[in-house]
Amino acid sequence: AADKWGATLTSSVFITIDAGFTALS
């Protein structure tokens, strides 16, 4: 999924994502 957005967007600044799994409703 990140590859898809990385190839689609343009930005000179790194895009950082804090990712994890947790219990959701």
PDBML (XML) file of the C-alpha atoms, coordinates in Angstrom:
<?xml version="1.0" encoding="UTF-8" ?>
<PDBx:datablock datablockName="MODEL"
   xmlns:PDBx="http://pdbml.pdb.org/schema/pdbx-v50.xsd"
   xmlns:xsi="http://www.w3.org/2001/XMLSchema-instance"
   xsi:schemaLocation="http://pdbml.pdb.org/schema/pdbx-v50.xsd pdbx-v50.xsd">
   <PDBx:atom_siteCategory>
      <PDBx:atom_site id="1">
         <PDBx:B_iso_or_equiv>0.00</PDBx:B_iso_or_equiv>
         <PDBx:Cartn_x>0.000</PDBx:Cartn_x>
         <PDBx:Cartn_y>0.000</PDBx:Cartn_y>
         <PDBx:Cartn_z>0.000</PDBx:Cartn_z>
         <PDBx:auth_asym_id>A</PDBx:auth_asym_id>
         <PDBx:auth_atom_id>CA</PDBx:auth_atom_id>
         <PDBx:auth_comp_id>ALA</PDBx:auth_comp_id>
         <PDBx:auth_seq_id>1</PDBx:auth_seq_id>
         <PDBx:group_PDB>ATOM</PDBx:group_PDB>
         <PDBx:label_alt_id xsi:nil="true" />
         <PDBx:label_asym_id>A</PDBx:label_asym_id>
         <PDBx:label_atom_id>CA</PDBx:label_atom_id>
         <PDBx:label_comp_id>ALA</PDBx:label_comp_id>
         <PDBx:label_entity_id>1</PDBx:label_entity_id>
         <PDBx:label_seq_id>1</PDBx:label_seq_id>
         <PDBx:occupancy>1.00</PDBx:occupancy>
         <PDBx:pdbx_PDB_model_num>1</PDBx:pdbx_PDB_model_num>
         <PDBx:type_symbol>C</PDBx:type_symbol>
      </PDBx:atom_site>
      <PDBx:atom_site id="2">
         <PDBx:B_iso_or_equiv>0.00</PDBx:B_iso_or_equiv>
         <PDBx:Cartn_x>2.842</PDBx:Cartn_x>
         <PDBx:Cartn_y>2.396</PDBx:Cartn_y>
         <PDBx:Cartn_z>0.807</PDBx:Cartn_z>
         <PDBx:auth_asym_id>A</PDBx:auth_asym_id>
         <PDBx:auth_atom_id>CA</PDBx:auth_atom_id>
         <PDBx:auth_comp_id>ALA</PDBx:auth_comp_id>
         <PDBx:auth_seq_id>2</PDBx:auth_seq_id>
         <PDBx:group_PDB>ATOM</PDBx:group_PDB>
         <PDBx:label_alt_id xsi:nil="true" />
         <PDBx:label_asym_id>A</PDBx:label_asym_id>
         <PDBx:label_atom_id>CA</PDBx:label_atom_id>
         <PDBx:label_comp_id>ALA</PDBx:label_comp_id>
         <PDBx:label_entity_id>1</PDBx:label_entity_id>
         <PDBx:label_seq_id>2</PDBx:label_seq_id>
         <PDBx:occupancy>1.00</PDBx:occupancy>
         <PDBx:pdbx_PDB_model_num>1</PDBx:pdbx_PDB_model_num>
         <PDBx:type_symbol>C</PDBx:type_symbol>
      </PDBx:atom_site>
      <PDBx:atom_site id="3">
         <PDBx:B_iso_or_equiv>0.00</PDBx:B_iso_or_equiv>
         <PDBx:Cartn_x>4.453</PDBx:Cartn_x>
         <PDBx:Cartn_y>1.587</PDBx:Cartn_y>
         <PDBx:Cartn_z>-2.557</PDBx:Cartn_z>
         <PDBx:auth_asym_id>A</PDBx:auth_asym_id>
         <PDBx:auth_atom_id>CA</PDBx:auth_atom_id>
         <PDBx:auth_comp_id>ASP</PDBx:auth_comp_id>
         <PDBx:auth_seq_id>3</PDBx:auth_seq_id>
         <PDBx:group_PDB>ATOM</PDBx:group_PDB>
         <PDBx:label_alt_id xsi:nil="true" />
         <PDBx:label_asym_id>A</PDBx:label_asym_id>
         <PDBx:label_atom_id>CA</PDBx:label_atom_id>
         <PDBx:label_comp_id>ASP</PDBx:label_comp_id>
         <PDBx:label_entity_id>1</PDBx:label_entity_id>
         <PDBx:label_seq_id>3</PDBx:label_seq_id>
         <PDBx:occupancy>1.00</PDBx:occupancy>
         <PDBx:pdbx_PDB_model_num>1</PDBx:pdbx_PDB_model_num>
         <PDBx:type_symbol>C</PDBx:type_symbol>
      </PDBx:atom_site>
      <PDBx:atom_site id="4">
         <PDBx:B_iso_or_equiv>0.00</PDBx:B_iso_or_equiv>
         <PDBx:Cartn_x>1.230</PDBx:Cartn_x>
         <PDBx:Cartn_y>2.629</PDBx:Cartn_y>
         <PDBx:Cartn_z>-4.251</PDBx:Cartn_z>
         <PDBx:auth_asym_id>A</PDBx:auth_asym_id>
         <PDBx:auth_atom_id>CA</PDBx:auth_atom_id>
         <PDBx:auth_comp_id>LYS</PDBx:auth_comp_id>
         <PDBx:auth_seq_id>4</PDBx:auth_seq_id>
         <PDBx:group_PDB>ATOM</PDBx:group_PDB>
         <PDBx:label_alt_id xsi:nil="true" />
         <PDBx:label_asym_id>A</PDBx:label_asym_id>
         <PDBx:label_atom_id>CA</PDBx:label_atom_id>
         <PDBx:label_comp_id>LYS</PDBx:label_comp_id>
         <PDBx:label_entity_id>1</PDBx:label_entity_id>
         <PDBx:label_seq_id>4</PDBx:label_seq_id>
         <PDBx:occupancy>1.00</PDBx:occupancy>
         <PDBx:pdbx_PDB_model_num>1</PDBx:pdbx_PDB_model_num>
         <PDBx:type_symbol>C</PDBx:type_symbol>
      </PDBx:atom_site>
      <PDBx:atom_site id="5">
         <PDBx:B_iso_or_equiv>0.00</PDBx:B_iso_or_equiv>
         <PDBx:Cartn_x>1.170</PDBx:Cartn_x>
         <PDBx:Cartn_y>6.007</PDBx:Cartn_y>
         <PDBx:Cartn_z>-2.516</PDBx:Cartn_z>
         <PDBx:auth_asym_id>A</PDBx:auth_asym_id>
         <PDBx:auth_atom_id>CA</PDBx:auth_atom_id>
         <PDBx:auth_comp_id>TRP</PDBx:auth_comp_id>
         <PDBx:auth_seq_id>5</PDBx:auth_seq_id>
         <PDBx:group_PDB>ATOM</PDBx:group_PDB>
         <PDBx:label_alt_id xsi:nil="true" />
         <PDBx:label_asym_id>A</PDBx:label_asym_id>
         <PDBx:label_atom_id>CA</PDBx:label_atom_id>
         <PDBx:label_comp_id>TRP</PDBx:label_comp_id>
         <PDBx:label_entity_id>1</PDBx:label_entity_id>
         <PDBx:label_seq_id>5</PDBx:label_seq_id>
         <PDBx:occupancy>1.00</PDBx:occupancy>
         <PDBx:pdbx_PDB_model_num>1</PDBx:pdbx_PDB_model_num>
         <PDBx:type_symbol>C</PDBx:type_symbol>
      </PDBx:atom_site>
      <PDBx:atom_site id="6">
         <PDBx:B_iso_or_equiv>0.00</PDBx:B_iso_or_equiv>
         <PDBx:Cartn_x>4.920</PDBx:Cartn_x>
         <PDBx:Cartn_y>6.495</PDBx:Cartn_y>
         <PDBx:Cartn_z>-2.785</PDBx:Cartn_z>
         <PDBx:auth_asym_id>A</PDBx:auth_asym_id>
         <PDBx:auth_atom_id>CA</PDBx:auth_atom_id>
         <PDBx:auth_comp_id>GLY</PDBx:auth_comp_id>
         <PDBx:auth_seq_id>6</PDBx:auth_seq_id>
         <PDBx:group_PDB>ATOM</PDBx:group_PDB>
         <PDBx:label_alt_id xsi:nil="true" />
         <PDBx:label_asym_id>A</PDBx:label_asym_id>
         <PDBx:label_atom_id>CA</PDBx:label_atom_id>
         <PDBx:label_comp_id>GLY</PDBx:label_comp_id>
         <PDBx:label_entity_id>1</PDBx:label_entity_id>
         <PDBx:label_seq_id>6</PDBx:label_seq_id>
         <PDBx:occupancy>1.00</PDBx:occupancy>
         <PDBx:pdbx_PDB_model_num>1</PDBx:pdbx_PDB_model_num>
         <PDBx:type_symbol>C</PDBx:type_symbol>
      </PDBx:atom_site>
      <PDBx:atom_site id="7">
         <PDBx:B_iso_or_equiv>0.00</PDBx:B_iso_or_equiv>
         <PDBx:Cartn_x>4.728</PDBx:Cartn_x>
         <PDBx:Cartn_y>6.038</PDBx:Cartn_y>
         <PDBx:Cartn_z>-6.548</PDBx:Cartn_z>
         <PDBx:auth_asym_id>A</PDBx:auth_asym_id>
         <PDBx:auth_atom_id>CA</PDBx:auth_atom_id>
         <PDBx:auth_comp_id>ALA</PDBx:auth_comp_id>
         <PDBx:auth_seq_id>7</PDBx:auth_seq_id>
         <PDBx:group_PDB>ATOM</PDBx:group_PDB>
         <PDBx:label_alt_id xsi:nil="true" />
         <PDBx:label_asym_id>A</PDBx:label_asym_id>
         <PDBx:label_atom_id>CA</PDBx:label_atom_id>
         <PDBx:label_comp_id>ALA</PDBx:label_comp_id>
         <PDBx:label_entity_id>1</PDBx:label_entity_id>
         <PDBx:label_seq_id>7</PDBx:label_seq_id>
         <PDBx:occupancy>1.00</PDBx:occupancy>
         <PDBx:pdbx_PDB_model_num>1</PDBx:pdbx_PDB_model_num>
         <PDBx:type_symbol>C</PDBx:type_symbol>
      </PDBx:atom_site>
      <PDBx:atom_site id="8">
         <PDBx:B_iso_or_equiv>0.00</PDBx:B_iso_or_equiv>
         <PDBx:Cartn_x>1.677</PDBx:Cartn_x>
         <PDBx:Cartn_y>8.289</PDBx:Cartn_y>
         <PDBx:Cartn_z>-6.883</PDBx:Cartn_z>
         <PDBx:auth_asym_id>A</PDBx:auth_asym_id>
         <PDBx:auth_atom_id>CA</PDBx:auth_atom_id>
         <PDBx:auth_comp_id>THR</PDBx:auth_comp_id>
         <PDBx:auth_seq_id>8</PDBx:auth_seq_id>
         <PDBx:group_PDB>ATOM</PDBx:group_PDB>
         <PDBx:label_alt_id xsi:nil="true" />
         <PDBx:label_asym_id>A</PDBx:label_asym_id>
         <PDBx:label_atom_id>CA</PDBx:label_atom_id>
         <PDBx:label_comp_id>THR</PDBx:label_comp_id>
         <PDBx:label_entity_id>1</PDBx:label_entity_id>
         <PDBx:label_seq_id>8</PDBx:label_seq_id>
         <PDBx:occupancy>1.00</PDBx:occupancy>
         <PDBx:pdbx_PDB_model_num>1</PDBx:pdbx_PDB_model_num>
         <PDBx:type_symbol>C</PDBx:type_symbol>
      </PDBx:atom_site>
      <PDBx:atom_site id="9">
         <PDBx:B_iso_or_equiv>0.00</PDBx:B_iso_or_equiv>
         <PDBx:Cartn_x>2.602</PDBx:Cartn_x>
         <PDBx:Cartn_y>11.266</PDBx:Cartn_y>
         <PDBx:Cartn_z>-4.701</PDBx:Cartn_z>
         <PDBx:auth_asym_id>A</PDBx:auth_asym_id>
         <PDBx:auth_atom_id>CA</PDBx:auth_atom_id>
         <PDBx:auth_comp_id>LEU</PDBx:auth_comp_id>
         <PDBx:auth_seq_id>9</PDBx:auth_seq_id>
         <PDBx:group_PDB>ATOM</PDBx:group_PDB>
         <PDBx:label_alt_id xsi:nil="true" />
         <PDBx:label_asym_id>A</PDBx:label_asym_id>
         <PDBx:label_atom_id>CA</PDBx:label_atom_id>
         <PDBx:label_comp_id>LEU</PDBx:label_comp_id>
         <PDBx:label_entity_id>1</PDBx:label_entity_id>
         <PDBx:label_seq_id>9</PDBx:label_seq_id>
         <PDBx:occupancy>1.00</PDBx:occupancy>
         <PDBx:pdbx_PDB_model_num>1</PDBx:pdbx_PDB_model_num>
         <PDBx:type_symbol>C</PDBx:type_symbol>
      </PDBx:atom_site>
      <PDBx:atom_site id="10">
         <PDBx:B_iso_or_equiv>0.00</PDBx:B_iso_or_equiv>
         <PDBx:Cartn_x>5.362</PDBx:Cartn_x>
         <PDBx:Cartn_y>13.850</PDBx:Cartn_y>
         <PDBx:Cartn_z>-5.016</PDBx:Cartn_z>
         <PDBx:auth_asym_id>A</PDBx:auth_asym_id>
         <PDBx:auth_atom_id>CA</PDBx:auth_atom_id>
         <PDBx:auth_comp_id>THR</PDBx:auth_comp_id>
         <PDBx:auth_seq_id>10</PDBx:auth_seq_id>
         <PDBx:group_PDB>ATOM</PDBx:group_PDB>
         <PDBx:label_alt_id xsi:nil="true" />
         <PDBx:label_asym_id>A</PDBx:label_asym_id>
         <PDBx:label_atom_id>CA</PDBx:label_atom_id>
         <PDBx:label_comp_id>THR</PDBx:label_comp_id>
         <PDBx:label_entity_id>1</PDBx:label_entity_id>
         <PDBx:label_seq_id>10</PDBx:label_seq_id>
         <PDBx:occupancy>1.00</PDBx:occupancy>
         <PDBx:pdbx_PDB_model_num>1</PDBx:pdbx_PDB_model_num>
         <PDBx:type_symbol>C</PDBx:type_symbol>
      </PDBx:atom_site>
      <PDBx:atom_site id="11">
         <PDBx:B_iso_or_equiv>0.00</PDBx:B_iso_or_equiv>
         <PDBx:Cartn_x>7.115</PDBx:Cartn_x>
         <PDBx:Cartn_y>15.227</PDBx:Cartn_y>
         <PDBx:Cartn_z>-1.930</PDBx:Cartn_z>
         <PDBx:auth_asym_id>A</PDBx:auth_asym_id>
         <PDBx:auth_atom_id>CA</PDBx:auth_atom_id>
         <PDBx:auth_comp_id>SER</PDBx:auth_comp_id>
         <PDBx:auth_seq_id>11</PDBx:auth_seq_id>
         <PDBx:group_PDB>ATOM</PDBx:group_PDB>
         <PDBx:label_alt_id xsi:nil="true" />
         <PDBx:label_asym_id>A</PDBx:label_asym_id>
         <PDBx:label_atom_id>CA</PDBx:label_atom_id>
         <PDBx:label_comp_id>SER</PDBx:label_comp_id>
         <PDBx:label_entity_id>1</PDBx:label_entity_id>
         <PDBx:label_seq_id>11</PDBx:label_seq_id>
         <PDBx:occupancy>1.00</PDBx:occupancy>
         <PDBx:pdbx_PDB_model_num>1</PDBx:pdbx_PDB_model_num>
         <PDBx:type_symbol>C</PDBx:type_symbol>
      </PDBx:atom_site>
      <PDBx:atom_site id="12">
         <PDBx:B_iso_or_equiv>0.00</PDBx:B_iso_or_equiv>
         <PDBx:Cartn_x>10.705</PDBx:Cartn_x>
         <PDBx:Cartn_y>16.139</PDBx:Cartn_y>
         <PDBx:Cartn_z>-1.104</PDBx:Cartn_z>
         <PDBx:auth_asym_id>A</PDBx:auth_asym_id>
         <PDBx:auth_atom_id>CA</PDBx:auth_atom_id>
         <PDBx:auth_comp_id>SER</PDBx:auth_comp_id>
         <PDBx:auth_seq_id>12</PDBx:auth_seq_id>
         <PDBx:group_PDB>ATOM</PDBx:group_PDB>
         <PDBx:label_alt_id xsi:nil="true" />
         <PDBx:label_asym_id>A</PDBx:label_asym_id>
         <PDBx:label_atom_id>CA</PDBx:label_atom_id>
         <PDBx:label_comp_id>SER</PDBx:label_comp_id>
         <PDBx:label_entity_id>1</PDBx:label_entity_id>
         <PDBx:label_seq_id>12</PDBx:label_seq_id>
         <PDBx:occupancy>1.00</PDBx:occupancy>
         <PDBx:pdbx_PDB_model_num>1</PDBx:pdbx_PDB_model_num>
         <PDBx:type_symbol>C</PDBx:type_symbol>
      </PDBx:atom_site>
      <PDBx:atom_site id="13">
         <PDBx:B_iso_or_equiv>0.00</PDBx:B_iso_or_equiv>
         <PDBx:Cartn_x>9.991</PDBx:Cartn_x>
         <PDBx:Cartn_y>15.458</PDBx:Cartn_y>
         <PDBx:Cartn_z>2.585</PDBx:Cartn_z>
         <PDBx:auth_asym_id>A</PDBx:auth_asym_id>
         <PDBx:auth_atom_id>CA</PDBx:auth_atom_id>
         <PDBx:auth_comp_id>VAL</PDBx:auth_comp_id>
         <PDBx:auth_seq_id>13</PDBx:auth_seq_id>
         <PDBx:group_PDB>ATOM</PDBx:group_PDB>
         <PDBx:label_alt_id xsi:nil="true" />
         <PDBx:label_asym_id>A</PDBx:label_asym_id>
         <PDBx:label_atom_id>CA</PDBx:label_atom_id>
         <PDBx:label_comp_id>VAL</PDBx:label_comp_id>
         <PDBx:label_entity_id>1</PDBx:label_entity_id>
         <PDBx:label_seq_id>13</PDBx:label_seq_id>
         <PDBx:occupancy>1.00</PDBx:occupancy>
         <PDBx:pdbx_PDB_model_num>1</PDBx:pdbx_PDB_model_num>
         <PDBx:type_symbol>C</PDBx:type_symbol>
      </PDBx:atom_site>
      <PDBx:atom_site id="14">
         <PDBx:B_iso_or_equiv>0.00</PDBx:B_iso_or_equiv>
         <PDBx:Cartn_x>9.789</PDBx:Cartn_x>
         <PDBx:Cartn_y>11.898</PDBx:Cartn_y>
         <PDBx:Cartn_z>3.908</PDBx:Cartn_z>
         <PDBx:auth_asym_id>A</PDBx:auth_asym_id>
         <PDBx:auth_atom_id>CA</PDBx:auth_atom_id>
         <PDBx:auth_comp_id>PHE</PDBx:auth_comp_id>
         <PDBx:auth_seq_id>14</PDBx:auth_seq_id>
         <PDBx:group_PDB>ATOM</PDBx:group_PDB>
         <PDBx:label_alt_id xsi:nil="true" />
         <PDBx:label_asym_id>A</PDBx:label_asym_id>
         <PDBx:label_atom_id>CA</PDBx:label_atom_id>
         <PDBx:label_comp_id>PHE</PDBx:label_comp_id>
         <PDBx:label_entity_id>1</PDBx:label_entity_id>
         <PDBx:label_seq_id>14</PDBx:label_seq_id>
         <PDBx:occupancy>1.00</PDBx:occupancy>
         <PDBx:pdbx_PDB_model_num>1</PDBx:pdbx_PDB_model_num>
         <PDBx:type_symbol>C</PDBx:type_symbol>
      </PDBx:atom_site>
      <PDBx:atom_site id="15">
         <PDBx:B_iso_or_equiv>0.00</PDBx:B_iso_or_equiv>
         <PDBx:Cartn_x>6.278</PDBx:Cartn_x>
         <PDBx:Cartn_y>10.736</PDBx:Cartn_y>
         <PDBx:Cartn_z>4.859</PDBx:Cartn_z>
         <PDBx:auth_asym_id>A</PDBx:auth_asym_id>
         <PDBx:auth_atom_id>CA</PDBx:auth_atom_id>
         <PDBx:auth_comp_id>ILE</PDBx:auth_comp_id>
         <PDBx:auth_seq_id>15</PDBx:auth_seq_id>
         <PDBx:group_PDB>ATOM</PDBx:group_PDB>
         <PDBx:label_alt_id xsi:nil="true" />
         <PDBx:label_asym_id>A</PDBx:label_asym_id>
         <PDBx:label_atom_id>CA</PDBx:label_atom_id>
         <PDBx:label_comp_id>ILE</PDBx:label_comp_id>
         <PDBx:label_entity_id>1</PDBx:label_entity_id>
         <PDBx:label_seq_id>15</PDBx:label_seq_id>
         <PDBx:occupancy>1.00</PDBx:occupancy>
         <PDBx:pdbx_PDB_model_num>1</PDBx:pdbx_PDB_model_num>
         <PDBx:type_symbol>C</PDBx:type_symbol>
      </PDBx:atom_site>
      <PDBx:atom_site id="16">
         <PDBx:B_iso_or_equiv>0.00</PDBx:B_iso_or_equiv>
         <PDBx:Cartn_x>6.397</PDBx:Cartn_x>
         <PDBx:Cartn_y>8.862</PDBx:Cartn_y>
         <PDBx:Cartn_z>8.176</PDBx:Cartn_z>
         <PDBx:auth_asym_id>A</PDBx:auth_asym_id>
         <PDBx:auth_atom_id>CA</PDBx:auth_atom_id>
         <PDBx:auth_comp_id>THR</PDBx:auth_comp_id>
         <PDBx:auth_seq_id>16</PDBx:auth_seq_id>
         <PDBx:group_PDB>ATOM</PDBx:group_PDB>
         <PDBx:label_alt_id xsi:nil="true" />
         <PDBx:label_asym_id>A</PDBx:label_asym_id>
         <PDBx:label_atom_id>CA</PDBx:label_atom_id>
         <PDBx:label_comp_id>THR</PDBx:label_comp_id>
         <PDBx:label_entity_id>1</PDBx:label_entity_id>
         <PDBx:label_seq_id>16</PDBx:label_seq_id>
         <PDBx:occupancy>1.00</PDBx:occupancy>
         <PDBx:pdbx_PDB_model_num>1</PDBx:pdbx_PDB_model_num>
         <PDBx:type_symbol>C</PDBx:type_symbol>
      </PDBx:atom_site>
      <PDBx:atom_site id="17">
         <PDBx:B_iso_or_equiv>0.00</PDBx:B_iso_or_equiv>
         <PDBx:Cartn_x>3.660</PDBx:Cartn_x>
         <PDBx:Cartn_y>6.577</PDBx:Cartn_y>
         <PDBx:Cartn_z>9.491</PDBx:Cartn_z>
         <PDBx:auth_asym_id>A</PDBx:auth_asym_id>
         <PDBx:auth_atom_id>CA</PDBx:auth_atom_id>
         <PDBx:auth_comp_id>ILE</PDBx:auth_comp_id>
         <PDBx:auth_seq_id>17</PDBx:auth_seq_id>
         <PDBx:group_PDB>ATOM</PDBx:group_PDB>
         <PDBx:label_alt_id xsi:nil="true" />
         <PDBx:label_asym_id>A</PDBx:label_asym_id>
         <PDBx:label_atom_id>CA</PDBx:label_atom_id>
         <PDBx:label_comp_id>ILE</PDBx:label_comp_id>
         <PDBx:label_entity_id>1</PDBx:label_entity_id>
         <PDBx:label_seq_id>17</PDBx:label_seq_id>
         <PDBx:occupancy>1.00</PDBx:occupancy>
         <PDBx:pdbx_PDB_model_num>1</PDBx:pdbx_PDB_model_num>
         <PDBx:type_symbol>C</PDBx:type_symbol>
      </PDBx:atom_site>
      <PDBx:atom_site id="18">
         <PDBx:B_iso_or_equiv>0.00</PDBx:B_iso_or_equiv>
         <PDBx:Cartn_x>3.341</PDBx:Cartn_x>
         <PDBx:Cartn_y>5.330</PDBx:Cartn_y>
         <PDBx:Cartn_z>13.064</PDBx:Cartn_z>
         <PDBx:auth_asym_id>A</PDBx:auth_asym_id>
         <PDBx:auth_atom_id>CA</PDBx:auth_atom_id>
         <PDBx:auth_comp_id>ASP</PDBx:auth_comp_id>
         <PDBx:auth_seq_id>18</PDBx:auth_seq_id>
         <PDBx:group_PDB>ATOM</PDBx:group_PDB>
         <PDBx:label_alt_id xsi:nil="true" />
         <PDBx:label_asym_id>A</PDBx:label_asym_id>
         <PDBx:label_atom_id>CA</PDBx:label_atom_id>
         <PDBx:label_comp_id>ASP</PDBx:label_comp_id>
         <PDBx:label_entity_id>1</PDBx:label_entity_id>
         <PDBx:label_seq_id>18</PDBx:label_seq_id>
         <PDBx:occupancy>1.00</PDBx:occupancy>
         <PDBx:pdbx_PDB_model_num>1</PDBx:pdbx_PDB_model_num>
         <PDBx:type_symbol>C</PDBx:type_symbol>
      </PDBx:atom_site>
      <PDBx:atom_site id="19">
         <PDBx:B_iso_or_equiv>0.00</PDBx:B_iso_or_equiv>
         <PDBx:Cartn_x>1.666</PDBx:Cartn_x>
         <PDBx:Cartn_y>1.953</PDBx:Cartn_y>
         <PDBx:Cartn_z>12.462</PDBx:Cartn_z>
         <PDBx:auth_asym_id>A</PDBx:auth_asym_id>
         <PDBx:auth_atom_id>CA</PDBx:auth_atom_id>
         <PDBx:auth_comp_id>ALA</PDBx:auth_comp_id>
         <PDBx:auth_seq_id>19</PDBx:auth_seq_id>
         <PDBx:group_PDB>ATOM</PDBx:group_PDB>
         <PDBx:label_alt_id xsi:nil="true" />
         <PDBx:label_asym_id>A</PDBx:label_asym_id>
         <PDBx:label_atom_id>CA</PDBx:label_atom_id>
         <PDBx:label_comp_id>ALA</PDBx:label_comp_id>
         <PDBx:label_entity_id>1</PDBx:label_entity_id>
         <PDBx:label_seq_id>19</PDBx:label_seq_id>
         <PDBx:occupancy>1.00</PDBx:occupancy>
         <PDBx:pdbx_PDB_model_num>1</PDBx:pdbx_PDB_model_num>
         <PDBx:type_symbol>C</PDBx:type_symbol>
      </PDBx:atom_site>
      <PDBx:atom_site id="20">
         <PDBx:B_iso_or_equiv>0.00</PDBx:B_iso_or_equiv>
         <PDBx:Cartn_x>0.410</PDBx:Cartn_x>
         <PDBx:Cartn_y>-0.809</PDBx:Cartn_y>
         <PDBx:Cartn_z>14.692</PDBx:Cartn_z>
         <PDBx:auth_asym_id>A</PDBx:auth_asym_id>
         <PDBx:auth_atom_id>CA</PDBx:auth_atom_id>
         <PDBx:auth_comp_id>GLY</PDBx:auth_comp_id>
         <PDBx:auth_seq_id>20</PDBx:auth_seq_id>
         <PDBx:group_PDB>ATOM</PDBx:group_PDB>
         <PDBx:label_alt_id xsi:nil="true" />
         <PDBx:label_asym_id>A</PDBx:label_asym_id>
         <PDBx:label_atom_id>CA</PDBx:label_atom_id>
         <PDBx:label_comp_id>GLY</PDBx:label_comp_id>
         <PDBx:label_entity_id>1</PDBx:label_entity_id>
         <PDBx:label_seq_id>20</PDBx:label_seq_id>
         <PDBx:occupancy>1.00</PDBx:occupancy>
         <PDBx:pdbx_PDB_model_num>1</PDBx:pdbx_PDB_model_num>
         <PDBx:type_symbol>C</PDBx:type_symbol>
      </PDBx:atom_site>
      <PDBx:atom_site id="21">
         <PDBx:B_iso_or_equiv>0.00</PDBx:B_iso_or_equiv>
         <PDBx:Cartn_x>-2.326</PDBx:Cartn_x>
         <PDBx:Cartn_y>-3.264</PDBx:Cartn_y>
         <PDBx:Cartn_z>15.632</PDBx:Cartn_z>
         <PDBx:auth_asym_id>A</PDBx:auth_asym_id>
         <PDBx:auth_atom_id>CA</PDBx:auth_atom_id>
         <PDBx:auth_comp_id>PHE</PDBx:auth_comp_id>
         <PDBx:auth_seq_id>21</PDBx:auth_seq_id>
         <PDBx:group_PDB>ATOM</PDBx:group_PDB>
         <PDBx:label_alt_id xsi:nil="true" />
         <PDBx:label_asym_id>A</PDBx:label_asym_id>
         <PDBx:label_atom_id>CA</PDBx:label_atom_id>
         <PDBx:label_comp_id>PHE</PDBx:label_comp_id>
         <PDBx:label_entity_id>1</PDBx:label_entity_id>
         <PDBx:label_seq_id>21</PDBx:label_seq_id>
         <PDBx:occupancy>1.00</PDBx:occupancy>
         <PDBx:pdbx_PDB_model_num>1</PDBx:pdbx_PDB_model_num>
         <PDBx:type_symbol>C</PDBx:type_symbol>
      </PDBx:atom_site>
      <PDBx:atom_site id="22">
         <PDBx:B_iso_or_equiv>0.00</PDBx:B_iso_or_equiv>
         <PDBx:Cartn_x>-4.725</PDBx:Cartn_x>
         <PDBx:Cartn_y>-2.819</PDBx:Cartn_y>
         <PDBx:Cartn_z>18.539</PDBx:Cartn_z>
         <PDBx:auth_asym_id>A</PDBx:auth_asym_id>
         <PDBx:auth_atom_id>CA</PDBx:auth_atom_id>
         <PDBx:auth_comp_id>THR</PDBx:auth_comp_id>
         <PDBx:auth_seq_id>22</PDBx:auth_seq_id>
         <PDBx:group_PDB>ATOM</PDBx:group_PDB>
         <PDBx:label_alt_id xsi:nil="true" />
         <PDBx:label_asym_id>A</PDBx:label_asym_id>
         <PDBx:label_atom_id>CA</PDBx:label_atom_id>
         <PDBx:label_comp_id>THR</PDBx:label_comp_id>
         <PDBx:label_entity_id>1</PDBx:label_entity_id>
         <PDBx:label_seq_id>22</PDBx:label_seq_id>
         <PDBx:occupancy>1.00</PDBx:occupancy>
         <PDBx:pdbx_PDB_model_num>1</PDBx:pdbx_PDB_model_num>
         <PDBx:type_symbol>C</PDBx:type_symbol>
      </PDBx:atom_site>
      <PDBx:atom_site id="23">
         <PDBx:B_iso_or_equiv>0.00</PDBx:B_iso_or_equiv>
         <PDBx:Cartn_x>-8.229</PDBx:Cartn_x>
         <PDBx:Cartn_y>-3.776</PDBx:Cartn_y>
         <PDBx:Cartn_z>19.658</PDBx:Cartn_z>
         <PDBx:auth_asym_id>A</PDBx:auth_asym_id>
         <PDBx:auth_atom_id>CA</PDBx:auth_atom_id>
         <PDBx:auth_comp_id>ALA</PDBx:auth_comp_id>
         <PDBx:auth_seq_id>23</PDBx:auth_seq_id>
         <PDBx:group_PDB>ATOM</PDBx:group_PDB>
         <PDBx:label_alt_id xsi:nil="true" />
         <PDBx:label_asym_id>A</PDBx:label_asym_id>
         <PDBx:label_atom_id>CA</PDBx:label_atom_id>
         <PDBx:label_comp_id>ALA</PDBx:label_comp_id>
         <PDBx:label_entity_id>1</PDBx:label_entity_id>
         <PDBx:label_seq_id>23</PDBx:label_seq_id>
         <PDBx:occupancy>1.00</PDBx:occupancy>
         <PDBx:pdbx_PDB_model_num>1</PDBx:pdbx_PDB_model_num>
         <PDBx:type_symbol>C</PDBx:type_symbol>
      </PDBx:atom_site>
      <PDBx:atom_site id="24">
         <PDBx:B_iso_or_equiv>0.00</PDBx:B_iso_or_equiv>
         <PDBx:Cartn_x>-10.817</PDBx:Cartn_x>
         <PDBx:Cartn_y>-1.668</PDBx:Cartn_y>
         <PDBx:Cartn_z>17.827</PDBx:Cartn_z>
         <PDBx:auth_asym_id>A</PDBx:auth_asym_id>
         <PDBx:auth_atom_id>CA</PDBx:auth_atom_id>
         <PDBx:auth_comp_id>LEU</PDBx:auth_comp_id>
         <PDBx:auth_seq_id>24</PDBx:auth_seq_id>
         <PDBx:group_PDB>ATOM</PDBx:group_PDB>
         <PDBx:label_alt_id xsi:nil="true" />
         <PDBx:label_asym_id>A</PDBx:label_asym_id>
         <PDBx:label_atom_id>CA</PDBx:label_atom_id>
         <PDBx:label_comp_id>LEU</PDBx:label_comp_id>
         <PDBx:label_entity_id>1</PDBx:label_entity_id>
         <PDBx:label_seq_id>24</PDBx:label_seq_id>
         <PDBx:occupancy>1.00</PDBx:occupancy>
         <PDBx:pdbx_PDB_model_num>1</PDBx:pdbx_PDB_model_num>
         <PDBx:type_symbol>C</PDBx:type_symbol>
      </PDBx:atom_site>
      <PDBx:atom_site id="25">
         <PDBx:B_iso_or_equiv>0.00</PDBx:B_iso_or_equiv>
         <PDBx:Cartn_x>-14.588</PDBx:Cartn_x>
         <PDBx:Cartn_y>-1.591</PDBx:Cartn_y>
         <PDBx:Cartn_z>18.191</PDBx:Cartn_z>
         <PDBx:auth_asym_id>A</PDBx:auth_asym_id>
         <PDBx:auth_atom_id>CA</PDBx:auth_atom_id>
         <PDBx:auth_comp_id>SER</PDBx:auth_comp_id>
         <PDBx:auth_seq_id>25</PDBx:auth_seq_id>
         <PDBx:group_PDB>ATOM</PDBx:group_PDB>
         <PDBx:label_alt_id xsi:nil="true" />
         <PDBx:label_asym_id>A</PDBx:label_asym_id>
         <PDBx:label_atom_id>CA</PDBx:label_atom_id>
         <PDBx:label_comp_id>SER</PDBx:label_comp_id>
         <PDBx:label_entity_id>1</PDBx:label_entity_id>
         <PDBx:label_seq_id>25</PDBx:label_seq_id>
         <PDBx:occupancy>1.00</PDBx:occupancy>
         <PDBx:pdbx_PDB_model_num>1</PDBx:pdbx_PDB_model_num>
         <PDBx:type_symbol>C</PDBx:type_symbol>
      </PDBx:atom_site>
   </PDBx:atom_siteCategory>
</PDBx:datablock>
